[in-house]
Amino acid sequence: MNYQIKQSFMISDYDTDSSLTVGEDPDDMGCVAIFTPNTEALYLSPEMAIIVAEVMIKVAKTMQEKPQK
């Protein structure tokens, strides 16, 4: 038998009944997979995933700091 343990996180918004899953790709290609139900996954190398995560934080913080219209 060949068992594997893979890490993934599901982020759920119960108000809108939506979710996003981030984890190791199911095909064991060494990528980070980001997907929502009924969509194709976005596959990123671990290095690219780290850059994307850092940029997303910067953009979100900038948006939060903008005066509300």
Protein backbone atom coordinates (compact mmCIF):
# COMPACT_ATOMS: atom_id res chain seq x y z
CA MET A 1 0.00 0.00 0.00
CA ASN A 2 1.15 3.50 -0.79
CA TYR A 3 -0.35 6.21 1.41
CA GLN A 4 0.16 9.94 1.11
CA ILE A 5 -0.82 12.82 3.32
CA LYS A 6 -1.53 16.10 1.56
CA GLN A 7 -2.29 19.39 3.20
CA SER A 8 -5.17 21.59 2.05
CA PHE A 9 -7.24 24.42 3.47
CA MET A 10 -10.83 25.27 2.65
CA ILE A 11 -11.93 28.86 3.13
CA SER A 12 -15.71 29.08 3.36
CA ASP A 13 -18.08 32.04 3.35
CA TYR A 14 -21.30 30.72 4.82
CA ASP A 15 -23.16 33.95 4.03
CA THR A 16 -22.68 33.46 0.29
CA ASP A 17 -22.28 29.67 0.35
CA SER A 18 -18.96 29.93 -1.48
CA SER A 19 -15.60 28.34 -0.82
CA LEU A 20 -12.01 28.31 -2.01
CA THR A 21 -9.59 25.44 -1.49
CA VAL A 22 -5.81 25.85 -1.43
CA GLY A 23 -3.53 22.87 -1.12
CA GLU A 24 -1.05 20.52 -2.68
CA ASP A 25 -2.05 19.53 -6.19
CA PRO A 26 -3.92 16.22 -6.40
CA ASP A 27 -1.71 14.94 -9.25
CA ASP A 28 1.47 15.22 -7.15
CA MET A 29 3.18 17.59 -9.61
CA GLY A 30 4.74 19.60 -6.80
CA CYS A 31 2.42 22.57 -7.27
CA VAL A 32 0.07 24.55 -5.09
CA ALA A 33 -3.51 24.17 -6.34
CA ILE A 34 -6.19 26.82 -5.89
CA PHE A 35 -9.74 25.91 -6.83
CA THR A 36 -13.40 26.45 -6.19
CA PRO A 37 -16.12 23.85 -6.62
CA ASN A 38 -16.91 23.09 -10.26
CA THR A 39 -13.89 24.98 -11.64
CA GLU A 40 -10.51 23.95 -12.98
CA ALA A 41 -7.67 24.42 -10.55
CA LEU A 42 -5.01 27.07 -10.88
CA TYR A 43 -1.61 25.42 -10.43
CA LEU A 44 1.36 27.45 -9.19
CA SER A 45 4.90 26.44 -8.34
CA PRO A 46 5.58 26.88 -4.61
CA GLU A 47 7.84 29.85 -5.42
CA MET A 48 5.17 31.54 -7.53
CA ALA A 49 2.50 30.81 -4.90
CA ILE A 50 4.57 32.65 -2.29
CA ILE A 51 4.96 35.67 -4.59
CA VAL A 52 1.24 35.70 -5.41
CA ALA A 53 0.34 35.47 -1.71
CA GLU A 54 2.63 38.39 -0.85
CA VAL A 55 1.25 40.51 -3.68
CA MET A 56 -2.36 39.70 -2.71
CA ILE A 57 -1.65 40.89 0.84
CA LYS A 58 -0.11 44.14 -0.46
CA VAL A 59 -3.04 44.81 -2.80
CA ALA A 60 -5.63 44.02 -0.11
CA LYS A 61 -3.91 46.28 2.44
CA THR A 62 -3.69 49.11 -0.11
CA MET A 63 -7.39 48.72 -0.86
CA GLN A 64 -8.25 48.81 2.84
CA GLU A 65 -6.26 52.00 3.32
CA LYS A 66 -8.03 53.86 0.51
CA PRO A 67 -10.73 56.29 1.58
CA GLN A 68 -14.19 54.78 1.16
CA LYS A 69 -16.35 56.34 -1.55
